[in-house]
Amino acid sequence: MRLMRLAKMRELLFTLQNCIESELLTLALLVTSNMMSILALNHALACAWFLVGNSSENGWVTNQPGLKDSDFVMQYLVSMQWSMAQFTPGASPVSPQTVGERIFSLSVLILGFVV
C-alpha cells in the first residue's frame, strides 16, 4: 500500500517537473524524487534487516545490549542507521552475527555499489 503511495508521489513529481519551466526547480524536484526513492529503499532494507536479525536466537538483535527489550522506535532507528550506513561511509551500529545476516549484509553492500 505504501509503495503505491510512493509510486503516485513520484508520478506527481514527474508531472510537476514537466509543467515547470524553471531549471532550478526542475533540478530540486529531481533531487527530491531521488532522495525519496533512496529513503524508501533504505526503509525496506531496514525492515528486512530487523526481520533477519530477529529470526534467530543468535542474531544481531539479541547481541545488541538492551535492544531486544527496547521499544519499536529504537529498534527501527538502529535498523535504519545500519541500512543507511551500507550506502554511505557512515559507521554501522551493528555487525552481522549469523550466516544469514552476513549473506543479507553482503547483498545489500552489492546493491549499494549499484545505487
PDB file of N, CA and C in Angstrom:
ATOM      1  N   MET A   1       0.827  -1.186   0.000  1.00  0.00           N
ATOM      2  CA  MET A   1       0.000   0.000   0.000  1.00  0.00           C
ATOM      3  C   MET A   1       0.875   1.254   0.000  1.00  0.00           C
ATOM      4  N   ARG A   2       1.892   1.270   0.870  1.00  0.00           N
ATOM      5  CA  ARG A   2       2.764   2.440   0.939  1.00  0.00           C
ATOM      6  C   ARG A   2       3.576   2.597  -0.333  1.00  0.00           C
ATOM      7  N   LEU A   3       3.942   1.469  -0.941  1.00  0.00           N
ATOM      8  CA  LEU A   3       4.688   1.550  -2.193  1.00  0.00           C
ATOM      9  C   LEU A   3       3.841   2.166  -3.290  1.00  0.00           C
ATOM     10  N   MET A   4       2.545   1.892  -3.248  1.00  0.00           N
ATOM     11  CA  MET A   4       1.642   2.503  -4.224  1.00  0.00           C
ATOM     12  C   MET A   4       1.606   4.016  -4.033  1.00  0.00           C
ATOM     13  N   ARG A   5       1.555   4.460  -2.767  1.00  0.00           N
ATOM     14  CA  ARG A   5       1.564   5.894  -2.490  1.00  0.00           C
ATOM     15  C   ARG A   5       2.867   6.528  -2.943  1.00  0.00           C
ATOM     16  N   LEU A   6       3.954   5.814  -2.729  1.00  0.00           N
ATOM     17  CA  LEU A   6       5.257   6.320  -3.150  1.00  0.00           C
ATOM     18  C   LEU A   6       5.307   6.441  -4.674  1.00  0.00           C
ATOM     19  N   ALA A   7       4.764   5.451  -5.360  1.00  0.00           N
ATOM     20  CA  ALA A   7       4.736   5.495  -6.822  1.00  0.00           C
ATOM     21  C   ALA A   7       3.884   6.662  -7.304  1.00  0.00           C
ATOM     22  N   LYS A   8       2.754   6.900  -6.641  1.00  0.00           N
ATOM     23  CA  LYS A   8       1.905   8.033  -7.014  1.00  0.00           C
ATOM     24  C   LYS A   8       2.610   9.354  -6.744  1.00  0.00           C
ATOM     25  N   MET A   9       3.356   9.429  -5.622  1.00  0.00           N
ATOM     26  CA  MET A   9       4.089  10.647  -5.291  1.00  0.00           C
ATOM     27  C   MET A   9       5.168  10.910  -6.337  1.00  0.00           C
ATOM     28  N   ARG A  10       5.852   9.871  -6.736  1.00  0.00           N
ATOM     29  CA  ARG A  10       6.896  10.005  -7.755  1.00  0.00           C
ATOM     30  C   ARG A  10       6.282  10.446  -9.083  1.00  0.00           C
ATOM     31  N   GLU A  11       5.134   9.876  -9.415  1.00  0.00           N
ATOM     32  CA  GLU A  11       4.426  10.257 -10.631  1.00  0.00           C
ATOM     33  C   GLU A  11       4.019  11.726 -10.579  1.00  0.00           C
ATOM     34  N   LEU A  12       3.551  12.183  -9.422  1.00  0.00           N
ATOM     35  CA  LEU A  12       3.176  13.581  -9.238  1.00  0.00           C
ATOM     36  C   LEU A  12       4.384  14.491  -9.415  1.00  0.00           C
ATOM     37  N   LEU A  13       5.523  14.087  -8.875  1.00  0.00           N
ATOM     38  CA  LEU A  13       6.739  14.892  -9.033  1.00  0.00           C
ATOM     39  C   LEU A  13       7.151  14.990 -10.498  1.00  0.00           C
ATOM     40  N   PHE A  14       7.039  13.907 -11.250  1.00  0.00           N
ATOM     41  CA  PHE A  14       7.366  13.947 -12.670  1.00  0.00           C
ATOM     42  C   PHE A  14       6.383  14.834 -13.436  1.00  0.00           C
ATOM     43  N   THR A  15       5.106  14.786 -13.056  1.00  0.00           N
ATOM     44  CA  THR A  15       4.115  15.653 -13.690  1.00  0.00           C
ATOM     45  C   THR A  15       4.427  17.115 -13.411  1.00  0.00           C
ATOM     46  N   LEU A  16       4.751  17.427 -12.166  1.00  0.00           N
ATOM     47  CA  LEU A  16       5.136  18.795 -11.817  1.00  0.00           C
ATOM     48  C   LEU A  16       6.383  19.223 -12.572  1.00  0.00           C
ATOM     49  N   GLN A  17       7.312  18.318 -12.712  1.00  0.00           N
ATOM     50  CA  GLN A  17       8.556  18.627 -13.407  1.00  0.00           C
ATOM     51  C   GLN A  17       8.276  18.997 -14.864  1.00  0.00           C
ATOM     52  N   ASN A  18       7.342  18.326 -15.499  1.00  0.00           N
ATOM     53  CA  ASN A  18       7.004  18.617 -16.889  1.00  0.00           C
ATOM     54  C   ASN A  18       6.287  19.950 -17.037  1.00  0.00           C
ATOM     55  N   CYS A  19       5.578  20.382 -15.994  1.00  0.00           N
ATOM     56  CA  CYS A  19       4.825  21.636 -16.055  1.00  0.00           C
ATOM     57  C   CYS A  19       5.683  22.853 -15.722  1.00  0.00           C
ATOM     58  N   ILE A  20       6.794  22.651 -15.079  1.00  0.00           N
ATOM     59  CA  ILE A  20       7.613  23.764 -14.606  1.00  0.00           C
ATOM     60  C   ILE A  20       8.731  24.034 -15.602  1.00  0.00           C
ATOM     61  N   GLU A  21       8.922  25.305 -15.903  1.00  0.00           N
ATOM     62  CA  GLU A  21       9.947  25.671 -16.869  1.00  0.00           C
ATOM     63  C   GLU A  21      11.252  26.092 -16.203  1.00  0.00           C
ATOM     64  N   SER A  22      11.250  26.264 -14.913  1.00  0.00           N
ATOM     65  CA  SER A  22      12.451  26.678 -14.195  1.00  0.00           C
ATOM     66  C   SER A  22      13.414  25.497 -14.061  1.00  0.00           C
ATOM     67  N   GLU A  23      14.628  25.664 -14.541  1.00  0.00           N
ATOM     68  CA  GLU A  23      15.618  24.593 -14.451  1.00  0.00           C
ATOM     69  C   GLU A  23      15.998  24.296 -13.005  1.00  0.00           C
ATOM     70  N   LEU A  24      16.073  25.340 -12.184  1.00  0.00           N
ATOM     71  CA  LEU A  24      16.437  25.155 -10.784  1.00  0.00           C
ATOM     72  C   LEU A  24      15.368  24.350 -10.045  1.00  0.00           C
ATOM     73  N   LEU A  25      14.110  24.682 -10.279  1.00  0.00           N
ATOM     74  CA  LEU A  25      13.022  23.951  -9.628  1.00  0.00           C
ATOM     75  C   LEU A  25      12.938  22.516 -10.151  1.00  0.00           C
ATOM     76  N   THR A  26      13.179  22.349 -11.438  1.00  0.00           N
ATOM     77  CA  THR A  26      13.196  21.006 -12.014  1.00  0.00           C
ATOM     78  C   THR A  26      14.294  20.164 -11.375  1.00  0.00           C
ATOM     79  N   LEU A  27      15.458  20.772 -11.188  1.00  0.00           N
ATOM     80  CA  LEU A  27      16.562  20.068 -10.542  1.00  0.00           C
ATOM     81  C   LEU A  27      16.215  19.722  -9.094  1.00  0.00           C
ATOM     82  N   ALA A  28      15.581  20.656  -8.382  1.00  0.00           N
ATOM     83  CA  ALA A  28      15.178  20.408  -6.995  1.00  0.00           C
ATOM     84  C   ALA A  28      14.174  19.256  -6.917  1.00  0.00           C
ATOM     85  N   LEU A  29      13.230  19.205  -7.856  1.00  0.00           N
ATOM     86  CA  LEU A  29      12.256  18.107  -7.879  1.00  0.00           C
ATOM     87  C   LEU A  29      12.936  16.772  -8.181  1.00  0.00           C
ATOM     88  N   LEU A  30      13.905  16.795  -9.067  1.00  0.00           N
ATOM     89  CA  LEU A  30      14.624  15.572  -9.405  1.00  0.00           C
ATOM     90  C   LEU A  30      15.425  15.060  -8.205  1.00  0.00           C
ATOM     91  N   VAL A  31      16.098  15.958  -7.517  1.00  0.00           N
ATOM     92  CA  VAL A  31      16.859  15.573  -6.324  1.00  0.00           C
ATOM     93  C   VAL A  31      15.920  15.035  -5.250  1.00  0.00           C
ATOM     94  N   THR A  32      14.784  15.715  -5.048  1.00  0.00           N
ATOM     95  CA  THR A  32      13.796  15.268  -4.061  1.00  0.00           C
ATOM     96  C   THR A  32      13.267  13.879  -4.407  1.00  0.00           C
ATOM     97  N   SER A  33      12.976  13.668  -5.665  1.00  0.00           N
ATOM     98  CA  SER A  33      12.471  12.371  -6.112  1.00  0.00           C
ATOM     99  C   SER A  33      13.497  11.266  -5.868  1.00  0.00           C
ATOM    100  N   ASN A  34      14.742  11.538  -6.191  1.00  0.00           N
ATOM    101  CA  ASN A  34      15.792  10.536  -5.971  1.00  0.00           C
ATOM    102  C   ASN A  34      15.991  10.258  -4.485  1.00  0.00           C
ATOM    103  N   MET A  35      15.960  11.296  -3.668  1.00  0.00           N
ATOM    104  CA  MET A  35      16.116  11.112  -2.224  1.00  0.00           C
ATOM    105  C   MET A  35      14.978  10.286  -1.643  1.00  0.00           C
ATOM    106  N   MET A  36      13.751  10.554  -2.100  1.00  0.00           N
ATOM    107  CA  MET A  36      12.606   9.784  -1.615  1.00  0.00           C
ATOM    108  C   MET A  36      12.737   8.311  -1.993  1.00  0.00           C
ATOM    109  N   SER A  37      13.221   8.051  -3.197  1.00  0.00           N
ATOM    110  CA  SER A  37      13.408   6.666  -3.640  1.00  0.00           C
ATOM    111  C   SER A  37      14.459   5.959  -2.790  1.00  0.00           C
ATOM    112  N   ILE A  38      15.558   6.646  -2.518  1.00  0.00           N
ATOM    113  CA  ILE A  38      16.620   6.051  -1.702  1.00  0.00           C
ATOM    114  C   ILE A  38      16.140   5.826  -0.274  1.00  0.00           C
ATOM    115  N   LEU A  39      15.386   6.782   0.275  1.00  0.00           N
ATOM    116  CA  LEU A  39      14.852   6.604   1.630  1.00  0.00           C
ATOM    117  C   LEU A  39      13.861   5.448   1.695  1.00  0.00           C
ATOM    118  N   ALA A  40      13.032   5.304   0.661  1.00  0.00           N
ATOM    119  CA  ALA A  40      12.084   4.182   0.627  1.00  0.00           C
ATOM    120  C   ALA A  40      12.832   2.850   0.554  1.00  0.00           C
ATOM    121  N   LEU A  41      13.891   2.806  -0.248  1.00  0.00           N
ATOM    122  CA  LEU A  41      14.709   1.598  -0.332  1.00  0.00           C
ATOM    123  C   LEU A  41      15.368   1.305   1.013  1.00  0.00           C
ATOM    124  N   ASN A  42      15.900   2.342   1.666  1.00  0.00           N
ATOM    125  CA  ASN A  42      16.525   2.158   2.978  1.00  0.00           C
ATOM    126  C   ASN A  42      15.510   1.697   4.018  1.00  0.00           C
ATOM    127  N   HIS A  43      14.294   2.196   3.947  1.00  0.00           N
ATOM    128  CA  HIS A  43      13.241   1.763   4.870  1.00  0.00           C
ATOM    129  C   HIS A  43      12.971   0.263   4.692  1.00  0.00           C
ATOM    130  N   ALA A  44      12.811  -0.163   3.447  1.00  0.00           N
ATOM    131  CA  ALA A  44      12.540  -1.579   3.180  1.00  0.00           C
ATOM    132  C   ALA A  44      13.706  -2.454   3.644  1.00  0.00           C
ATOM    133  N   LEU A  45      14.932  -2.001   3.390  1.00  0.00           N
ATOM    134  CA  LEU A  45      16.104  -2.767   3.819  1.00  0.00           C
ATOM    135  C   LEU A  45      16.226  -2.803   5.338  1.00  0.00           C
ATOM    136  N   ALA A  46      15.883  -1.701   6.002  1.00  0.00           N
ATOM    137  CA  ALA A  46      15.931  -1.668   7.468  1.00  0.00           C
ATOM    138  C   ALA A  46      14.933  -2.662   8.057  1.00  0.00           C
ATOM    139  N   CYS A  47      13.745  -2.702   7.495  1.00  0.00           N
ATOM    140  CA  CYS A  47      12.739  -3.658   7.977  1.00  0.00           C
ATOM    141  C   CYS A  47      13.198  -5.095   7.733  1.00  0.00           C
ATOM    142  N   ALA A  48      13.768  -5.351   6.555  1.00  0.00           N
ATOM    143  CA  ALA A  48      14.253  -6.695   6.246  1.00  0.00           C
ATOM    144  C   ALA A  48      15.434  -7.069   7.147  1.00  0.00           C
ATOM    145  N   TRP A  49      16.329  -6.112   7.417  1.00  0.00           N
ATOM    146  CA  TRP A  49      17.485  -6.366   8.290  1.00  0.00           C
ATOM    147  C   TRP A  49      17.016  -6.727   9.697  1.00  0.00           C
ATOM    148  N   PHE A  50      16.009  -6.023  10.189  1.00  0.00           N
ATOM    149  CA  PHE A  50      15.483  -6.345  11.515  1.00  0.00           C
ATOM    150  C   PHE A  50      14.840  -7.728  11.513  1.00  0.00           C
ATOM    151  N   LEU A  51      14.096  -8.038  10.469  1.00  0.00           N
ATOM    152  CA  LEU A  51      13.454  -9.351  10.361  1.00  0.00           C
ATOM    153  C   LEU A  51      14.497 -10.470  10.345  1.00  0.00           C
ATOM    154  N   VAL A  52      15.555 -10.287   9.572  1.00  0.00           N
ATOM    155  CA  VAL A  52      16.624 -11.290   9.508  1.00  0.00           C
ATOM    156  C   VAL A  52      17.314 -11.413  10.867  1.00  0.00           C
ATOM    157  N   GLY A  53      17.585 -10.288  11.515  1.00  0.00           N
ATOM    158  CA  GLY A  53      18.280 -10.305  12.799  1.00  0.00           C
ATOM    159  C   GLY A  53      17.445 -10.816  13.953  1.00  0.00           C
ATOM    160  N   ASN A  54      16.144 -10.718  13.824  1.00  0.00           N
ATOM    161  CA  ASN A  54      15.237 -11.139  14.891  1.00  0.00           C
ATOM    162  C   ASN A  54      14.762 -12.584  14.698  1.00  0.00           C
ATOM    163  N   SER A  55      15.139 -13.194  13.574  1.00  0.00           N
ATOM    164  CA  SER A  55      14.623 -14.527  13.266  1.00  0.00           C
ATOM    165  C   SER A  55      15.397 -15.658  13.942  1.00  0.00           C
ATOM    166  N   SER A  56      16.553 -15.360  14.519  1.00  0.00           N
ATOM    167  CA  SER A  56      17.296 -16.414  15.218  1.00  0.00           C
ATOM    168  C   SER A  56      17.715 -15.928  16.600  1.00  0.00           C
ATOM    169  N   GLU A  57      18.029 -16.879  17.454  1.00  0.00           N
ATOM    170  CA  GLU A  57      18.415 -16.536  18.827  1.00  0.00           C
ATOM    171  C   GLU A  57      19.801 -15.908  18.902  1.00  0.00           C
ATOM    172  N   ASN A  58      20.621 -16.121  17.886  1.00  0.00           N
ATOM    173  CA  ASN A  58      21.981 -15.584  17.887  1.00  0.00           C
ATOM    174  C   ASN A  58      22.129 -14.369  16.987  1.00  0.00           C
ATOM    175  N   GLY A  59      21.015 -13.805  16.533  1.00  0.00           N
ATOM    176  CA  GLY A  59      21.062 -12.687  15.602  1.00  0.00           C
ATOM    177  C   GLY A  59      21.571 -11.405  16.230  1.00  0.00           C
ATOM    178  N   TRP A  60      21.746 -10.399  15.389  1.00  0.00           N
ATOM    179  CA  TRP A  60      22.295  -9.131  15.861  1.00  0.00           C
ATOM    180  C   TRP A  60      21.368  -8.449  16.856  1.00  0.00           C
ATOM    181  N   VAL A  61      20.064  -8.663  16.742  1.00  0.00           N
ATOM    182  CA  VAL A  61      19.116  -8.020  17.666  1.00  0.00           C
ATOM    183  C   VAL A  61      19.369  -8.495  19.093  1.00  0.00           C
ATOM    184  N   THR A  62      19.607  -9.796  19.247  1.00  0.00           N
ATOM    185  CA  THR A  62      19.851 -10.341  20.588  1.00  0.00           C
ATOM    186  C   THR A  62      21.216  -9.933  21.131  1.00  0.00           C
ATOM    187  N   ASN A  63      22.182  -9.741  20.247  1.00  0.00           N
ATOM    188  CA  ASN A  63      23.540  -9.404  20.673  1.00  0.00           C
ATOM    189  C   ASN A  63      23.738  -7.917  20.962  1.00  0.00           C
ATOM    190  N   GLN A  64      22.787  -7.094  20.600  1.00  0.00           N
ATOM    191  CA  GLN A  64      22.859  -5.666  20.944  1.00  0.00           C
ATOM    192  C   GLN A  64      22.291  -5.503  22.350  1.00  0.00           C
ATOM    193  N   PRO A  65      23.080  -5.022  23.288  1.00  0.00           N
ATOM    194  CA  PRO A  65      22.603  -4.896  24.676  1.00  0.00           C
ATOM    195  C   PRO A  65      21.341  -4.030  24.791  1.00  0.00           C
ATOM    196  N   GLY A  66      20.278  -4.633  25.317  1.00  0.00           N
ATOM    197  CA  GLY A  66      19.042  -3.913  25.588  1.00  0.00           C
ATOM    198  C   GLY A  66      18.137  -3.673  24.400  1.00  0.00           C
ATOM    199  N   LEU A  67      18.570  -4.022  23.192  1.00  0.00           N
ATOM    200  CA  LEU A  67      17.761  -3.722  22.007  1.00  0.00           C
ATOM    201  C   LEU A  67      16.528  -4.611  21.915  1.00  0.00           C
ATOM    202  N   LYS A  68      16.663  -5.862  22.294  1.00  0.00           N
ATOM    203  CA  LYS A  68      15.534  -6.802  22.207  1.00  0.00           C
ATOM    204  C   LYS A  68      14.345  -6.306  23.030  1.00  0.00           C
ATOM    205  N   ASP A  69      14.623  -5.670  24.177  1.00  0.00           N
ATOM    206  CA  ASP A  69      13.560  -5.180  25.053  1.00  0.00           C
ATOM    207  C   ASP A  69      13.222  -3.716  24.809  1.00  0.00           C
ATOM    208  N   SER A  70      13.904  -3.072  23.865  1.00  0.00           N
ATOM    209  CA  SER A  70      13.632  -1.661  23.565  1.00  0.00           C
ATOM    210  C   SER A  70      12.308  -1.517  22.837  1.00  0.00           C
ATOM    211  N   ASP A  71      11.836  -0.292  22.771  1.00  0.00           N
ATOM    212  CA  ASP A  71      10.594  -0.037  22.048  1.00  0.00           C
ATOM    213  C   ASP A  71      10.840  -0.097  20.539  1.00  0.00           C
ATOM    214  N   PHE A  72       9.746  -0.123  19.799  1.00  0.00           N
ATOM    215  CA  PHE A  72       9.779  -0.261  18.346  1.00  0.00           C
ATOM    216  C   PHE A  72      10.584   0.853  17.691  1.00  0.00           C
ATOM    217  N   VAL A  73      10.452   2.069  18.190  1.00  0.00           N
ATOM    218  CA  VAL A  73      11.137   3.215  17.584  1.00  0.00           C
ATOM    219  C   VAL A  73      12.650   3.016  17.636  1.00  0.00           C
ATOM    220  N   MET A  74      13.170   2.612  18.776  1.00  0.00           N
ATOM    221  CA  MET A  74      14.613   2.404  18.913  1.00  0.00           C
ATOM    222  C   MET A  74      15.091   1.279  18.001  1.00  0.00           C
ATOM    223  N   GLN A  75      14.336   0.195  17.929  1.00  0.00           N
ATOM    224  CA  GLN A  75      14.706  -0.920  17.058  1.00  0.00           C
ATOM    225  C   GLN A  75      14.723  -0.474  15.594  1.00  0.00           C
ATOM    226  N   TYR A  76      13.719   0.309  15.211  1.00  0.00           N
ATOM    227  CA  TYR A  76      13.664   0.805  13.832  1.00  0.00           C
ATOM    228  C   TYR A  76      14.825   1.750  13.544  1.00  0.00           C
ATOM    229  N   LEU A  77      15.128   2.646  14.475  1.00  0.00           N
ATOM    230  CA  LEU A  77      16.209   3.606  14.260  1.00  0.00           C
ATOM    231  C   LEU A  77      17.561   2.912  14.110  1.00  0.00           C
ATOM    232  N   VAL A  78      17.817   1.892  14.909  1.00  0.00           N
ATOM    233  CA  VAL A  78      19.076   1.145  14.787  1.00  0.00           C
ATOM    234  C   VAL A  78      19.124   0.428  13.436  1.00  0.00           C
ATOM    235  N   SER A  79      18.014  -0.164  13.027  1.00  0.00           N
ATOM    236  CA  SER A  79      17.954  -0.850  11.732  1.00  0.00           C
ATOM    237  C   SER A  79      18.123   0.136  10.584  1.00  0.00           C
ATOM    238  N   MET A  80      17.497   1.292  10.688  1.00  0.00           N
ATOM    239  CA  MET A  80      17.605   2.311   9.638  1.00  0.00           C
ATOM    240  C   MET A  80      19.028   2.853   9.562  1.00  0.00           C
ATOM    241  N   GLN A  81      19.667   3.039  10.709  1.00  0.00           N
ATOM    242  CA  GLN A  81      21.053   3.509  10.704  1.00  0.00           C
ATOM    243  C   GLN A  81      21.951   2.484  10.013  1.00  0.00           C
ATOM    244  N   TRP A  82      21.727   1.201  10.299  1.00  0.00           N
ATOM    245  CA  TRP A  82      22.509   0.160   9.630  1.00  0.00           C
ATOM    246  C   TRP A  82      22.297   0.230   8.123  1.00  0.00           C
ATOM    247  N   SER A  83      21.030   0.343   7.712  1.00  0.00           N
ATOM    248  CA  SER A  83      20.698   0.368   6.292  1.00  0.00           C
ATOM    249  C   SER A  83      21.358   1.551   5.590  1.00  0.00           C
ATOM    250  N   MET A  84      21.272   2.716   6.188  1.00  0.00           N
ATOM    251  CA  MET A  84      21.861   3.904   5.567  1.00  0.00           C
ATOM    252  C   MET A  84      23.384   3.832   5.557  1.00  0.00           C
ATOM    253  N   ALA A  85      23.969   3.180   6.542  1.00  0.00           N
ATOM    254  CA  ALA A  85      25.431   3.050   6.591  1.00  0.00           C
ATOM    255  C   ALA A  85      25.949   2.161   5.462  1.00  0.00           C
ATOM    256  N   GLN A  86      25.103   1.314   4.904  1.00  0.00           N
ATOM    257  CA  GLN A  86      25.529   0.461   3.799  1.00  0.00           C
ATOM    258  C   GLN A  86      25.675   1.250   2.502  1.00  0.00           C
ATOM    259  N   PHE A  87      25.045   2.421   2.427  1.00  0.00           N
ATOM    260  CA  PHE A  87      25.080   3.242   1.218  1.00  0.00           C
ATOM    261  C   PHE A  87      26.010   4.437   1.359  1.00  0.00           C
ATOM    262  N   THR A  88      26.517   4.673   2.552  1.00  0.00           N
ATOM    263  CA  THR A  88      27.362   5.836   2.819  1.00  0.00           C
ATOM    264  C   THR A  88      28.605   5.377   3.573  1.00  0.00           C
ATOM    265  N   PRO A  89      29.567   6.267   3.739  1.00  0.00           N
ATOM    266  CA  PRO A  89      30.736   5.884   4.537  1.00  0.00           C
ATOM    267  C   PRO A  89      30.488   5.968   6.045  1.00  0.00           C
ATOM    268  N   GLY A  90      29.241   6.075   6.454  1.00  0.00           N
ATOM    269  CA  GLY A  90      28.909   6.173   7.875  1.00  0.00           C
ATOM    270  C   GLY A  90      29.167   4.878   8.628  1.00  0.00           C
ATOM    271  N   ALA A  91      29.301   5.010   9.925  1.00  0.00           N
ATOM    272  CA  ALA A  91      29.555   3.845  10.775  1.00  0.00           C
ATOM    273  C   ALA A  91      28.265   3.062  10.997  1.00  0.00           C
ATOM    274  N   SER A  92      28.391   1.759  10.982  1.00  0.00           N
ATOM    275  CA  SER A  92      27.247   0.893  11.230  1.00  0.00           C
ATOM    276  C   SER A  92      27.207   0.528  12.709  1.00  0.00           C
ATOM    277  N   PRO A  93      26.030   0.629  13.333  1.00  0.00           N
ATOM    278  CA  PRO A  93      25.938   0.338  14.766  1.00  0.00           C
ATOM    279  C   PRO A  93      25.993  -1.146  15.103  1.00  0.00           C
ATOM    280  N   VAL A  94      25.778  -1.998  14.118  1.00  0.00           N
ATOM    281  CA  VAL A  94      25.736  -3.440  14.374  1.00  0.00           C
ATOM    282  C   VAL A  94      26.507  -4.197  13.299  1.00  0.00           C
ATOM    283  N   SER A  95      26.861  -5.414  13.627  1.00  0.00           N
ATOM    284  CA  SER A  95      27.549  -6.301  12.685  1.00  0.00           C
ATOM    285  C   SER A  95      26.744  -7.575  12.531  1.00  0.00           C
ATOM    286  N   PRO A  96      26.828  -8.197  11.358  1.00  0.00           N
ATOM    287  CA  PRO A  96      26.138  -9.471  11.177  1.00  0.00           C
ATOM    288  C   PRO A  96      26.704 -10.529  12.120  1.00  0.00           C
ATOM    289  N   GLN A  97      25.823 -11.348  12.685  1.00  0.00           N
ATOM    290  CA  GLN A  97      26.234 -12.374  13.645  1.00  0.00           C
ATOM    291  C   GLN A  97      26.052 -13.789  13.110  1.00  0.00           C
ATOM    292  N   THR A  98      25.142 -13.963  12.170  1.00  0.00           N
ATOM    293  CA  THR A  98      24.860 -15.300  11.642  1.00  0.00           C
ATOM    294  C   THR A  98      25.195 -15.341  10.153  1.00  0.00           C
ATOM    295  N   VAL A  99      25.196 -16.537   9.598  1.00  0.00           N
ATOM    296  CA  VAL A  99      25.474 -16.696   8.170  1.00  0.00           C
ATOM    297  C   VAL A  99      24.407 -15.980   7.341  1.00  0.00           C
ATOM    298  N   GLY A 100      23.149 -16.128   7.727  1.00  0.00           N
ATOM    299  CA  GLY A 100      22.066 -15.463   7.004  1.00  0.00           C
ATOM    300  C   GLY A 100      22.206 -13.948   7.022  1.00  0.00           C
ATOM    301  N   GLU A 101      22.581 -13.413   8.174  1.00  0.00           N
ATOM    302  CA  GLU A 101      22.779 -11.965   8.279  1.00  0.00           C
ATOM    303  C   GLU A 101      23.953 -11.513   7.417  1.00  0.00           C
ATOM    304  N   ARG A 102      25.010 -12.314   7.392  1.00  0.00           N
ATOM    305  CA  ARG A 102      26.183 -11.956   6.587  1.00  0.00           C
ATOM    306  C   ARG A 102      25.845 -11.979   5.099  1.00  0.00           C
ATOM    307  N   ILE A 103      25.090 -12.975   4.660  1.00  0.00           N
ATOM    308  CA  ILE A 103      24.668 -13.050   3.255  1.00  0.00           C
ATOM    309  C   ILE A 103      23.801 -11.847   2.911  1.00  0.00           C
ATOM    310  N   PHE A 104      22.846 -11.532   3.786  1.00  0.00           N
ATOM    311  CA  PHE A 104      21.982 -10.372   3.546  1.00  0.00           C
ATOM    312  C   PHE A 104      22.809  -9.091   3.502  1.00  0.00           C
ATOM    313  N   SER A 105      23.738  -8.951   4.434  1.00  0.00           N
ATOM    314  CA  SER A 105      24.576  -7.759   4.506  1.00  0.00           C
ATOM    315  C   SER A 105      25.415  -7.590   3.242  1.00  0.00           C
ATOM    316  N   LEU A 106      26.009  -8.667   2.773  1.00  0.00           N
ATOM    317  CA  LEU A 106      26.804  -8.604   1.544  1.00  0.00           C
ATOM    318  C   LEU A 106      25.939  -8.273   0.334  1.00  0.00           C
ATOM    319  N   SER A 107      24.736  -8.810   0.293  1.00  0.00           N
ATOM    320  CA  SER A 107      23.813  -8.497  -0.804  1.00  0.00           C
ATOM    321  C   SER A 107      23.470  -7.012  -0.819  1.00  0.00           C
ATOM    322  N   VAL A 108      23.244  -6.456   0.363  1.00  0.00           N
ATOM    323  CA  VAL A 108      22.923  -5.027   0.455  1.00  0.00           C
ATOM    324  C   VAL A 108      24.135  -4.179   0.072  1.00  0.00           C
ATOM    325  N   LEU A 109      25.333  -4.611   0.444  1.00  0.00           N
ATOM    326  CA  LEU A 109      26.541  -3.882   0.043  1.00  0.00           C
ATOM    327  C   LEU A 109      26.692  -3.859  -1.475  1.00  0.00           C
ATOM    328  N   ILE A 110      26.427  -4.979  -2.120  1.00  0.00           N
ATOM    329  CA  ILE A 110      26.485  -5.030  -3.585  1.00  0.00           C
ATOM    330  C   ILE A 110      25.435  -4.100  -4.176  1.00  0.00           C
ATOM    331  N   LEU A 111      24.239  -4.112  -3.611  1.00  0.00           N
ATOM    332  CA  LEU A 111      23.194  -3.188  -4.053  1.00  0.00           C
ATOM    333  C   LEU A 111      23.644  -1.739  -3.874  1.00  0.00           C
ATOM    334  N   GLY A 112      24.333  -1.461  -2.772  1.00  0.00           N
ATOM    335  CA  GLY A 112      24.844  -0.117  -2.518  1.00  0.00           C
ATOM    336  C   GLY A 112      25.835   0.337  -3.572  1.00  0.00           C
ATOM    337  N   PHE A 113      26.639  -0.583  -4.098  1.00  0.00           N
ATOM    338  CA  PHE A 113      27.564  -0.234  -5.176  1.00  0.00           C
ATOM    339  C   PHE A 113      26.806   0.196  -6.422  1.00  0.00           C
ATOM    340  N   VAL A 114      25.713  -0.492  -6.708  1.00  0.00           N
ATOM    341  CA  VAL A 114      24.928  -0.213  -7.906  1.00  0.00           C
ATOM    342  C   VAL A 114      24.175   1.111  -7.783  1.00  0.00           C
ATOM    343  N   VAL A 115      23.567   1.319  -6.615  1.00  0.00           N
ATOM    344  CA  VAL A 115      22.783   2.538  -6.404  1.00  0.00           C
ATOM    345  C   VAL A 115      23.727   3.690  -6.208  1.00  0.00           C
TER     346      VAL A 115
END
